[in-house]
PDB file of all heavy atoms in Angstrom:
ATOM      1  N   THR A   1       8.661 -14.317   6.510  1.00  0.00           N
ATOM      2  CA  THR A   1       7.785 -14.300   5.371  1.00  0.00           C
ATOM      3  C   THR A   1       6.419 -13.717   5.750  1.00  0.00           C
ATOM      4  O   THR A   1       5.820 -14.125   6.752  1.00  0.00           O
ATOM      5  CB  THR A   1       7.595 -15.714   4.772  1.00  0.00           C
ATOM      6  OG1 THR A   1       8.869 -16.220   4.402  1.00  0.00           O
ATOM      7  CG2 THR A   1       6.669 -15.672   3.578  1.00  0.00           C
ATOM      8  N   ILE A   2       5.971 -12.782   4.940  1.00  0.00           N
ATOM      9  CA  ILE A   2       4.589 -12.272   5.028  1.00  0.00           C
ATOM     10  C   ILE A   2       4.000 -12.339   3.631  1.00  0.00           C
ATOM     11  O   ILE A   2       4.565 -11.754   2.695  1.00  0.00           O
ATOM     12  CB  ILE A   2       4.530 -10.831   5.553  1.00  0.00           C
ATOM     13  CG1 ILE A   2       5.118 -10.745   6.970  1.00  0.00           C
ATOM     14  CG2 ILE A   2       3.113 -10.311   5.535  1.00  0.00           C
ATOM     15  CD1 ILE A   2       5.106  -9.334   7.524  1.00  0.00           C
ATOM     16  N   ALA A   3       2.884 -13.046   3.478  1.00  0.00           N
ATOM     17  CA  ALA A   3       2.303 -13.205   2.150  1.00  0.00           C
ATOM     18  C   ALA A   3       0.861 -13.668   2.282  1.00  0.00           C
ATOM     19  O   ALA A   3       0.483 -14.308   3.261  1.00  0.00           O
ATOM     20  CB  ALA A   3       3.095 -14.223   1.323  1.00  0.00           C
ATOM     21  N   PRO A   4       0.018 -13.369   1.273  1.00  0.00           N
ATOM     22  CA  PRO A   4      -1.332 -13.945   1.279  1.00  0.00           C
ATOM     23  C   PRO A   4      -1.265 -15.457   1.120  1.00  0.00           C
ATOM     24  O   PRO A   4      -0.358 -15.989   0.470  1.00  0.00           O
ATOM     25  CB  PRO A   4      -1.984 -13.299   0.047  1.00  0.00           C
ATOM     26  CG  PRO A   4      -1.112 -12.170  -0.336  1.00  0.00           C
ATOM     27  CD  PRO A   4       0.262 -12.504   0.125  1.00  0.00           C
ATOM     28  N   GLU A   5      -2.253 -16.156   1.693  1.00  0.00           N
ATOM     29  CA  GLU A   5      -2.283 -17.603   1.548  1.00  0.00           C
ATOM     30  C   GLU A   5      -2.792 -18.036   0.181  1.00  0.00           C
ATOM     31  O   GLU A   5      -2.525 -19.142  -0.247  1.00  0.00           O
ATOM     32  CB  GLU A   5      -3.146 -18.221   2.662  1.00  0.00           C
ATOM     33  CG  GLU A   5      -2.507 -18.101   4.039  1.00  0.00           C
ATOM     34  CD  GLU A   5      -3.245 -18.900   5.099  1.00  0.00           C
ATOM     35  OE1 GLU A   5      -4.286 -19.504   4.768  1.00  0.00           O
ATOM     36  OE2 GLU A   5      -2.772 -18.909   6.248  1.00  0.00           O
ATOM     37  N   ASP A   6      -3.508 -17.156  -0.501  1.00  0.00           N
ATOM     38  CA  ASP A   6      -3.981 -17.452  -1.851  1.00  0.00           C
ATOM     39  C   ASP A   6      -2.777 -17.514  -2.806  1.00  0.00           C
ATOM     40  O   ASP A   6      -2.103 -16.501  -3.031  1.00  0.00           O
ATOM     41  CB  ASP A   6      -4.971 -16.362  -2.299  1.00  0.00           C
ATOM     42  CG  ASP A   6      -5.538 -16.613  -3.697  1.00  0.00           C
ATOM     43  OD1 ASP A   6      -5.167 -17.611  -4.328  1.00  0.00           O
ATOM     44  OD2 ASP A   6      -6.364 -15.803  -4.151  1.00  0.00           O
ATOM     45  N   GLY A   7      -2.523 -18.657  -3.368  1.00  0.00           N
ATOM     46  CA  GLY A   7      -1.374 -18.812  -4.248  1.00  0.00           C
ATOM     47  C   GLY A   7      -1.616 -18.399  -5.678  1.00  0.00           C
ATOM     48  O   GLY A   7      -0.680 -18.333  -6.481  1.00  0.00           O
ATOM     49  N   ASP A   8      -2.860 -18.106  -6.040  1.00  0.00           N
ATOM     50  CA  ASP A   8      -3.206 -17.796  -7.414  1.00  0.00           C
ATOM     51  C   ASP A   8      -3.278 -16.269  -7.595  1.00  0.00           C
ATOM     52  O   ASP A   8      -4.316 -15.719  -7.909  1.00  0.00           O
ATOM     53  CB  ASP A   8      -4.526 -18.443  -7.786  1.00  0.00           C
ATOM     54  CG  ASP A   8      -4.833 -18.283  -9.266  1.00  0.00           C
ATOM     55  OD1 ASP A   8      -3.864 -18.097 -10.060  1.00  0.00           O
ATOM     56  OD2 ASP A   8      -6.021 -18.320  -9.627  1.00  0.00           O
ATOM     57  N   MET A   9      -2.155 -15.592  -7.377  1.00  0.00           N
ATOM     58  CA  MET A   9      -2.108 -14.128  -7.477  1.00  0.00           C
ATOM     59  C   MET A   9      -0.841 -13.738  -8.228  1.00  0.00           C
ATOM     60  O   MET A   9       0.210 -14.382  -8.121  1.00  0.00           O
ATOM     61  CB  MET A   9      -2.119 -13.489  -6.101  1.00  0.00           C
ATOM     62  CG  MET A   9      -3.325 -13.852  -5.238  1.00  0.00           C
ATOM     63  SD  MET A   9      -3.300 -13.112  -3.587  1.00  0.00           S
ATOM     64  CE  MET A   9      -4.014 -11.492  -3.952  1.00  0.00           C
ATOM     65  N   ARG A  10      -0.936 -12.694  -8.975  1.00  0.00           N
ATOM     66  CA  ARG A  10       0.252 -12.139  -9.645  1.00  0.00           C
ATOM     67  C   ARG A  10       1.016 -11.278  -8.646  1.00  0.00           C
ATOM     68  O   ARG A  10       0.419 -10.540  -7.851  1.00  0.00           O
ATOM     69  CB  ARG A  10      -0.152 -11.267 -10.840  1.00  0.00           C
ATOM     70  CG  ARG A  10       1.048 -10.727 -11.585  1.00  0.00           C
ATOM     71  CD  ARG A  10       0.675  -9.737 -12.649  1.00  0.00           C
ATOM     72  NE  ARG A  10       1.873  -9.214 -13.303  1.00  0.00           N
ATOM     73  CZ  ARG A  10       1.922  -8.101 -14.009  1.00  0.00           C
ATOM     74  NH1 ARG A  10       0.806  -7.365 -14.160  1.00  0.00           N
ATOM     75  NH2 ARG A  10       3.046  -7.700 -14.560  1.00  0.00           N
ATOM     76  N   VAL A  11       2.345 -11.402  -8.675  1.00  0.00           N
ATOM     77  CA  VAL A  11       3.208 -10.631  -7.777  1.00  0.00           C
ATOM     78  C   VAL A  11       4.010  -9.612  -8.551  1.00  0.00           C
ATOM     79  O   VAL A  11       4.644  -9.952  -9.568  1.00  0.00           O
ATOM     80  CB  VAL A  11       4.163 -11.548  -6.972  1.00  0.00           C
ATOM     81  CG1 VAL A  11       4.983 -10.740  -5.982  1.00  0.00           C
ATOM     82  CG2 VAL A  11       3.389 -12.629  -6.248  1.00  0.00           C
ATOM     83  N   VAL A  12       3.962  -8.373  -8.110  1.00  0.00           N
ATOM     84  CA  VAL A  12       4.712  -7.285  -8.724  1.00  0.00           C
ATOM     85  C   VAL A  12       5.499  -6.579  -7.614  1.00  0.00           C
ATOM     86  O   VAL A  12       4.910  -6.255  -6.561  1.00  0.00           O
ATOM     87  CB  VAL A  12       3.799  -6.264  -9.431  1.00  0.00           C
ATOM     88  CG1 VAL A  12       4.606  -5.126 -10.014  1.00  0.00           C
ATOM     89  CG2 VAL A  12       2.982  -6.964 -10.528  1.00  0.00           C
ATOM     90  N   GLN A  13       6.761  -6.355  -7.831  1.00  0.00           N
ATOM     91  CA  GLN A  13       7.603  -5.695  -6.823  1.00  0.00           C
ATOM     92  C   GLN A  13       8.278  -4.480  -7.430  1.00  0.00           C
ATOM     93  O   GLN A  13       8.839  -4.543  -8.539  1.00  0.00           O
ATOM     94  CB  GLN A  13       8.649  -6.662  -6.278  1.00  0.00           C
ATOM     95  CG  GLN A  13       9.378  -6.181  -5.044  1.00  0.00           C
ATOM     96  CD  GLN A  13      10.355  -7.226  -4.515  1.00  0.00           C
ATOM     97  OE1 GLN A  13      11.374  -7.520  -5.142  1.00  0.00           O
ATOM     98  NE2 GLN A  13      10.042  -7.785  -3.347  1.00  0.00           N
ATOM     99  N   THR A  14       8.225  -3.378  -6.728  1.00  0.00           N
ATOM    100  CA  THR A  14       8.849  -2.134  -7.189  1.00  0.00           C
ATOM    101  C   THR A  14       9.205  -1.291  -5.965  1.00  0.00           C
ATOM    102  O   THR A  14       8.836  -1.614  -4.845  1.00  0.00           O
ATOM    103  CB  THR A  14       7.896  -1.358  -8.108  1.00  0.00           C
ATOM    104  OG1 THR A  14       8.559  -0.248  -8.672  1.00  0.00           O
ATOM    105  CG2 THR A  14       6.671  -0.869  -7.361  1.00  0.00           C
ATOM    106  N   TYR A  15       9.973  -0.239  -6.205  1.00  0.00           N
ATOM    107  CA  TYR A  15      10.272   0.721  -5.139  1.00  0.00           C
ATOM    108  C   TYR A  15       9.306   1.896  -5.229  1.00  0.00           C
ATOM    109  O   TYR A  15       8.888   2.275  -6.325  1.00  0.00           O
ATOM    110  CB  TYR A  15      11.691   1.250  -5.264  1.00  0.00           C
ATOM    111  CG  TYR A  15      12.765   0.287  -4.790  1.00  0.00           C
ATOM    112  CD1 TYR A  15      13.471  -0.499  -5.700  1.00  0.00           C
ATOM    113  CD2 TYR A  15      13.079   0.183  -3.451  1.00  0.00           C
ATOM    114  CE1 TYR A  15      14.448  -1.368  -5.266  1.00  0.00           C
ATOM    115  CE2 TYR A  15      14.043  -0.696  -3.004  1.00  0.00           C
ATOM    116  CZ  TYR A  15      14.749  -1.476  -3.909  1.00  0.00           C
ATOM    117  OH  TYR A  15      15.701  -2.321  -3.485  1.00  0.00           O
ATOM    118  N   LEU A  16       8.951   2.472  -4.080  1.00  0.00           N
ATOM    119  CA  LEU A  16       8.305   3.765  -4.137  1.00  0.00           C
ATOM    120  C   LEU A  16       9.253   4.734  -4.811  1.00  0.00           C
ATOM    121  O   LEU A  16      10.473   4.655  -4.620  1.00  0.00           O
ATOM    122  CB  LEU A  16       7.943   4.246  -2.730  1.00  0.00           C
ATOM    123  CG  LEU A  16       6.995   3.362  -1.908  1.00  0.00           C
ATOM    124  CD1 LEU A  16       6.570   4.107  -0.637  1.00  0.00           C
ATOM    125  CD2 LEU A  16       5.772   2.955  -2.713  1.00  0.00           C
ATOM    126  N   PRO A  17       8.752   5.637  -5.650  1.00  0.00           N
ATOM    127  CA  PRO A  17       9.636   6.452  -6.494  1.00  0.00           C
ATOM    128  C   PRO A  17      10.778   7.131  -5.729  1.00  0.00           C
ATOM    129  O   PRO A  17      10.553   7.778  -4.679  1.00  0.00           O
ATOM    130  CB  PRO A  17       8.682   7.497  -7.073  1.00  0.00           C
ATOM    131  CG  PRO A  17       7.351   6.806  -7.115  1.00  0.00           C
ATOM    132  CD  PRO A  17       7.329   5.977  -5.878  1.00  0.00           C
ATOM    133  N   ALA A  18      11.989   6.927  -6.242  1.00  0.00           N
ATOM    134  CA  ALA A  18      13.194   7.605  -5.733  1.00  0.00           C
ATOM    135  C   ALA A  18      13.439   7.327  -4.254  1.00  0.00           C
ATOM    136  O   ALA A  18      13.920   8.185  -3.523  1.00  0.00           O
ATOM    137  CB  ALA A  18      13.120   9.112  -5.988  1.00  0.00           C
ATOM    138  N   THR A  19      13.152   6.098  -3.809  1.00  0.00           N
ATOM    139  CA  THR A  19      13.392   5.714  -2.411  1.00  0.00           C
ATOM    140  C   THR A  19      13.987   4.320  -2.345  1.00  0.00           C
ATOM    141  O   THR A  19      14.054   3.603  -3.341  1.00  0.00           O
ATOM    142  CB  THR A  19      12.079   5.704  -1.594  1.00  0.00           C
ATOM    143  OG1 THR A  19      11.305   4.525  -1.932  1.00  0.00           O
ATOM    144  CG2 THR A  19      11.229   6.939  -1.824  1.00  0.00           C
ATOM    145  N   ASN A  20      14.351   3.950  -1.126  1.00  0.00           N
ATOM    146  CA  ASN A  20      14.702   2.557  -0.830  1.00  0.00           C
ATOM    147  C   ASN A  20      13.590   1.885  -0.029  1.00  0.00           C
ATOM    148  O   ASN A  20      13.826   0.986   0.797  1.00  0.00           O
ATOM    149  CB  ASN A  20      16.004   2.501  -0.061  1.00  0.00           C
ATOM    150  CG  ASN A  20      17.202   2.652  -0.989  1.00  0.00           C
ATOM    151  OD1 ASN A  20      17.304   1.977  -2.028  1.00  0.00           O
ATOM    152  ND2 ASN A  20      18.133   3.537  -0.640  1.00  0.00           N
ATOM    153  N   VAL A  21      12.365   2.300  -0.267  1.00  0.00           N
ATOM    154  CA  VAL A  21      11.178   1.691   0.322  1.00  0.00           C
ATOM    155  C   VAL A  21      10.568   0.771  -0.731  1.00  0.00           C
ATOM    156  O   VAL A  21      10.217   1.188  -1.831  1.00  0.00           O
ATOM    157  CB  VAL A  21      10.164   2.762   0.755  1.00  0.00           C
ATOM    158  CG1 VAL A  21       8.897   2.103   1.326  1.00  0.00           C
ATOM    159  CG2 VAL A  21      10.800   3.689   1.814  1.00  0.00           C
ATOM    160  N   LEU A  22      10.433  -0.509  -0.399  1.00  0.00           N
ATOM    161  CA  LEU A  22      10.075  -1.546  -1.363  1.00  0.00           C
ATOM    162  C   LEU A  22       8.622  -1.914  -1.224  1.00  0.00           C
ATOM    163  O   LEU A  22       8.109  -2.156  -0.122  1.00  0.00           O
ATOM    164  CB  LEU A  22      10.976  -2.782  -1.145  1.00  0.00           C
ATOM    165  CG  LEU A  22      10.914  -3.879  -2.205  1.00  0.00           C
ATOM    166  CD1 LEU A  22      11.533  -3.384  -3.522  1.00  0.00           C
ATOM    167  CD2 LEU A  22      11.669  -5.120  -1.722  1.00  0.00           C
ATOM    168  N   LEU A  23       7.906  -1.997  -2.350  1.00  0.00           N
ATOM    169  CA  LEU A  23       6.497  -2.363  -2.366  1.00  0.00           C
ATOM    170  C   LEU A  23       6.335  -3.669  -3.150  1.00  0.00           C
ATOM    171  O   LEU A  23       6.705  -3.753  -4.308  1.00  0.00           O
ATOM    172  CB  LEU A  23       5.690  -1.251  -3.047  1.00  0.00           C
ATOM    173  CG  LEU A  23       4.187  -1.523  -3.265  1.00  0.00           C
ATOM    174  CD1 LEU A  23       3.477  -1.670  -1.938  1.00  0.00           C
ATOM    175  CD2 LEU A  23       3.560  -0.413  -4.101  1.00  0.00           C
ATOM    176  N   THR A  24       5.760  -4.671  -2.471  1.00  0.00           N
ATOM    177  CA  THR A  24       5.448  -5.927  -3.118  1.00  0.00           C
ATOM    178  C   THR A  24       3.909  -6.057  -3.156  1.00  0.00           C
ATOM    179  O   THR A  24       3.260  -5.937  -2.126  1.00  0.00           O
ATOM    180  CB  THR A  24       6.044  -7.134  -2.369  1.00  0.00           C
ATOM    181  OG1 THR A  24       7.452  -6.905  -2.174  1.00  0.00           O
ATOM    182  CG2 THR A  24       5.850  -8.414  -3.139  1.00  0.00           C
ATOM    183  N   GLN A  25       3.368  -6.290  -4.348  1.00  0.00           N
ATOM    184  CA  GLN A  25       1.920  -6.338  -4.527  1.00  0.00           C
ATOM    185  C   GLN A  25       1.496  -7.723  -4.992  1.00  0.00           C
ATOM    186  O   GLN A  25       2.083  -8.297  -5.914  1.00  0.00           O
ATOM    187  CB  GLN A  25       1.491  -5.329  -5.607  1.00  0.00           C
ATOM    188  CG  GLN A  25       1.914  -3.881  -5.304  1.00  0.00           C
ATOM    189  CD  GLN A  25       1.694  -2.992  -6.529  1.00  0.00           C
ATOM    190  OE1 GLN A  25       0.555  -2.622  -6.811  1.00  0.00           O
ATOM    191  NE2 GLN A  25       2.766  -2.688  -7.242  1.00  0.00           N
ATOM    192  N   TRP A  26       0.454  -8.266  -4.340  1.00  0.00           N
ATOM    193  CA  TRP A  26      -0.199  -9.472  -4.774  1.00  0.00           C
ATOM    194  C   TRP A  26      -1.542  -9.091  -5.354  1.00  0.00           C
ATOM    195  O   TRP A  26      -2.383  -8.495  -4.670  1.00  0.00           O
ATOM    196  CB  TRP A  26      -0.387 -10.430  -3.604  1.00  0.00           C
ATOM    197  CG  TRP A  26       0.842 -11.150  -3.157  1.00  0.00           C
ATOM    198  CD1 TRP A  26       1.233 -12.384  -3.504  1.00  0.00           C
ATOM    199  CD2 TRP A  26       1.851 -10.666  -2.255  1.00  0.00           C
ATOM    200  NE1 TRP A  26       2.421 -12.733  -2.902  1.00  0.00           N
ATOM    201  CE2 TRP A  26       2.832 -11.682  -2.126  1.00  0.00           C
ATOM    202  CE3 TRP A  26       2.026  -9.471  -1.547  1.00  0.00           C
ATOM    203  CZ2 TRP A  26       3.930 -11.544  -1.309  1.00  0.00           C
ATOM    204  CZ3 TRP A  26       3.141  -9.323  -0.740  1.00  0.00           C
ATOM    205  CH2 TRP A  26       4.071 -10.356  -0.630  1.00  0.00           C
ATOM    206  N   LEU A  27      -1.749  -9.408  -6.609  1.00  0.00           N
ATOM    207  CA  LEU A  27      -2.952  -8.976  -7.339  1.00  0.00           C
ATOM    208  C   LEU A  27      -3.746 -10.210  -7.753  1.00  0.00           C
ATOM    209  O   LEU A  27      -3.293 -11.054  -8.523  1.00  0.00           O
ATOM    210  CB  LEU A  27      -2.545  -8.173  -8.585  1.00  0.00           C
ATOM    211  CG  LEU A  27      -1.585  -7.001  -8.332  1.00  0.00           C
ATOM    212  CD1 LEU A  27      -1.142  -6.384  -9.642  1.00  0.00           C
ATOM    213  CD2 LEU A  27      -2.234  -5.964  -7.434  1.00  0.00           C
ATOM    214  N   GLY A  28      -4.962 -10.333  -7.216  1.00  0.00           N
ATOM    215  CA  GLY A  28      -5.818 -11.470  -7.518  1.00  0.00           C
ATOM    216  C   GLY A  28      -7.145 -11.033  -8.104  1.00  0.00           C
ATOM    217  O   GLY A  28      -7.468  -9.850  -8.195  1.00  0.00           O
ATOM    218  N   GLU A  29      -7.941 -12.005  -8.500  1.00  0.00           N
ATOM    219  CA  GLU A  29      -9.253 -11.700  -9.079  1.00  0.00           C
ATOM    220  C   GLU A  29     -10.217 -11.113  -8.044  1.00  0.00           C
ATOM    221  O   GLU A  29     -11.039 -10.257  -8.344  1.00  0.00           O
ATOM    222  CB  GLU A  29      -9.874 -12.977  -9.674  1.00  0.00           C
ATOM    223  CG  GLU A  29      -9.106 -13.552 -10.852  1.00  0.00           C
ATOM    224  CD  GLU A  29      -9.189 -12.662 -12.090  1.00  0.00           C
ATOM    225  OE1 GLU A  29     -10.079 -11.796 -12.135  1.00  0.00           O
ATOM    226  OE2 GLU A  29      -8.388 -12.876 -13.015  1.00  0.00           O
ATOM    227  N   GLU A  30     -10.074 -11.550  -6.796  1.00  0.00           N
ATOM    228  CA  GLU A  30     -11.006 -11.130  -5.747  1.00  0.00           C
ATOM    229  C   GLU A  30     -10.387 -10.205  -4.719  1.00  0.00           C
ATOM    230  O   GLU A  30     -11.116  -9.577  -3.952  1.00  0.00           O
ATOM    231  CB  GLU A  30     -11.566 -12.380  -5.035  1.00  0.00           C
ATOM    232  CG  GLU A  30     -12.216 -13.404  -5.956  1.00  0.00           C
ATOM    233  CD  GLU A  30     -13.451 -12.834  -6.614  1.00  0.00           C
ATOM    234  OE1 GLU A  30     -14.120 -11.934  -6.040  1.00  0.00           O
ATOM    235  OE2 GLU A  30     -13.789 -13.291  -7.725  1.00  0.00           O
ATOM    236  N   SER A  31      -9.097 -10.118  -4.674  1.00  0.00           N
ATOM    237  CA  SER A  31      -8.457  -9.287  -3.642  1.00  0.00           C
ATOM    238  C   SER A  31      -7.062  -8.875  -4.089  1.00  0.00           C
ATOM    239  O   SER A  31      -6.494  -9.437  -5.035  1.00  0.00           O
ATOM    240  CB  SER A  31      -8.365 -10.052  -2.309  1.00  0.00           C
ATOM    241  OG  SER A  31      -7.524 -11.191  -2.464  1.00  0.00           O
ATOM    242  N   SER A  32      -6.529  -7.856  -3.410  1.00  0.00           N
ATOM    243  CA  SER A  32      -5.153  -7.439  -3.655  1.00  0.00           C
ATOM    244  C   SER A  32      -4.543  -7.001  -2.320  1.00  0.00           C
ATOM    245  O   SER A  32      -5.221  -6.455  -1.451  1.00  0.00           O
ATOM    246  CB  SER A  32      -5.098  -6.292  -4.661  1.00  0.00           C
ATOM    247  OG  SER A  32      -5.825  -5.161  -4.211  1.00  0.00           O
ATOM    248  N   VAL A  33      -3.239  -7.304  -2.194  1.00  0.00           N
ATOM    249  CA  VAL A  33      -2.517  -7.054  -0.952  1.00  0.00           C
ATOM    250  C   VAL A  33      -1.219  -6.357  -1.285  1.00  0.00           C
ATOM    251  O   VAL A  33      -0.507  -6.763  -2.226  1.00  0.00           O
ATOM    252  CB  VAL A  33      -2.230  -8.386  -0.210  1.00  0.00           C
ATOM    253  CG1 VAL A  33      -1.452  -8.134   1.067  1.00  0.00           C
ATOM    254  CG2 VAL A  33      -3.524  -9.127   0.094  1.00  0.00           C
ATOM    255  N   HIS A  34      -0.898  -5.330  -0.511  1.00  0.00           N
ATOM    256  CA  HIS A  34       0.393  -4.637  -0.623  1.00  0.00           C
ATOM    257  C   HIS A  34       1.201  -4.870   0.656  1.00  0.00           C
ATOM    258  O   HIS A  34       0.655  -4.727   1.763  1.00  0.00           O
ATOM    259  CB  HIS A  34       0.191  -3.133  -0.812  1.00  0.00           C
ATOM    260  CG  HIS A  34      -0.405  -2.754  -2.117  1.00  0.00           C
ATOM    261  ND1 HIS A  34      -0.555  -1.441  -2.519  1.00  0.00           N
ATOM    262  CD2 HIS A  34      -0.873  -3.482  -3.137  1.00  0.00           C
ATOM    263  CE1 HIS A  34      -1.100  -1.395  -3.728  1.00  0.00           C
ATOM    264  NE2 HIS A  34      -1.320  -2.646  -4.114  1.00  0.00           N
ATOM    265  N   VAL A  35       2.475  -5.191   0.506  1.00  0.00           N
ATOM    266  CA  VAL A  35       3.406  -5.193   1.643  1.00  0.00           C
ATOM    267  C   VAL A  35       4.500  -4.185   1.345  1.00  0.00           C
ATOM    268  O   VAL A  35       5.190  -4.294   0.326  1.00  0.00           O
ATOM    269  CB  VAL A  35       4.013  -6.600   1.883  1.00  0.00           C
ATOM    270  CG1 VAL A  35       5.075  -6.532   2.962  1.00  0.00           C
ATOM    271  CG2 VAL A  35       2.921  -7.608   2.269  1.00  0.00           C
ATOM    272  N   THR A  36       4.634  -3.213   2.236  1.00  0.00           N
ATOM    273  CA  THR A  36       5.646  -2.165   2.099  1.00  0.00           C
ATOM    274  C   THR A  36       6.747  -2.416   3.105  1.00  0.00           C
ATOM    275  O   THR A  36       6.493  -2.470   4.311  1.00  0.00           O
ATOM    276  CB  THR A  36       5.020  -0.776   2.328  1.00  0.00           C
ATOM    277  OG1 THR A  36       3.912  -0.583   1.444  1.00  0.00           O
ATOM    278  CG2 THR A  36       6.039   0.317   2.128  1.00  0.00           C
ATOM    279  N   ASP A  37       7.979  -2.629   2.582  1.00  0.00           N
ATOM    280  CA  ASP A  37       9.133  -2.953   3.439  1.00  0.00           C
ATOM    281  C   ASP A  37      10.126  -1.814   3.446  1.00  0.00           C
ATOM    282  O   ASP A  37      10.489  -1.271   2.384  1.00  0.00           O
ATOM    283  CB  ASP A  37       9.813  -4.211   2.895  1.00  0.00           C
ATOM    284  CG  ASP A  37       9.004  -5.467   3.137  1.00  0.00           C
ATOM    285  OD1 ASP A  37       8.682  -5.745   4.305  1.00  0.00           O
ATOM    286  OD2 ASP A  37       8.698  -6.173   2.154  1.00  0.00           O
ATOM    287  N   TYR A  38      10.600  -1.496   4.646  1.00  0.00           N
ATOM    288  CA  TYR A  38      11.640  -0.471   4.752  1.00  0.00           C
ATOM    289  C   TYR A  38      12.332  -0.609   6.085  1.00  0.00           C
ATOM    290  O   TYR A  38      11.867  -1.344   7.004  1.00  0.00           O
ATOM    291  CB  TYR A  38      11.083   0.941   4.589  1.00  0.00           C
ATOM    292  CG  TYR A  38      10.081   1.379   5.647  1.00  0.00           C
ATOM    293  CD1 TYR A  38      10.442   2.261   6.666  1.00  0.00           C
ATOM    294  CD2 TYR A  38       8.757   0.961   5.605  1.00  0.00           C
ATOM    295  CE1 TYR A  38       9.528   2.664   7.618  1.00  0.00           C
ATOM    296  CE2 TYR A  38       7.832   1.375   6.546  1.00  0.00           C
ATOM    297  CZ  TYR A  38       8.219   2.224   7.554  1.00  0.00           C
ATOM    298  OH  TYR A  38       7.310   2.634   8.502  1.00  0.00           O
ATOM    299  N   MET A  39      13.454   0.074   6.232  1.00  0.00           N
ATOM    300  CA  MET A  39      14.193   0.096   7.495  1.00  0.00           C
ATOM    301  C   MET A  39      14.445   1.546   7.882  1.00  0.00           C
ATOM    302  O   MET A  39      14.522   2.433   7.023  1.00  0.00           O
ATOM    303  CB  MET A  39      15.525  -0.663   7.355  1.00  0.00           C
ATOM    304  CG  MET A  39      15.349  -2.133   7.048  1.00  0.00           C
ATOM    305  SD  MET A  39      16.931  -3.041   6.971  1.00  0.00           S
ATOM    306  CE  MET A  39      17.311  -3.141   8.734  1.00  0.00           C
ATOM    307  N   ALA A  40      14.587   1.769   9.183  1.00  0.00           N
ATOM    308  CA  ALA A  40      14.835   3.101   9.697  1.00  0.00           C
ATOM    309  C   ALA A  40      15.729   3.002  10.904  1.00  0.00           C
ATOM    310  O   ALA A  40      15.759   1.996  11.598  1.00  0.00           O
ATOM    311  CB  ALA A  40      13.530   3.785  10.094  1.00  0.00           C
ATOM    312  N   SER A  41      16.529   4.031  11.125  1.00  0.00           N
ATOM    313  CA  SER A  41      17.406   4.046  12.287  1.00  0.00           C
ATOM    314  C   SER A  41      17.816   5.491  12.585  1.00  0.00           C
ATOM    315  O   SER A  41      17.584   6.406  11.791  1.00  0.00           O
ATOM    316  CB  SER A  41      18.674   3.208  12.052  1.00  0.00           C
ATOM    317  OG  SER A  41      19.575   3.898  11.208  1.00  0.00           O
TER     318      SER A  41
END
C-alpha cells in the first residue's frame, strides 16, 4: 500500500490514455498526490 496519510481526500483512478498504466489521484483541499502504477519486463 502507498497512500497519503490524510484520510479526507477524494480518490479518482483512471488509466493514462490508451495504456495499461494506472493513475490513482488523491485530491484534497490543501494538497494532491498522484500514484502511477505500471509493470515492465
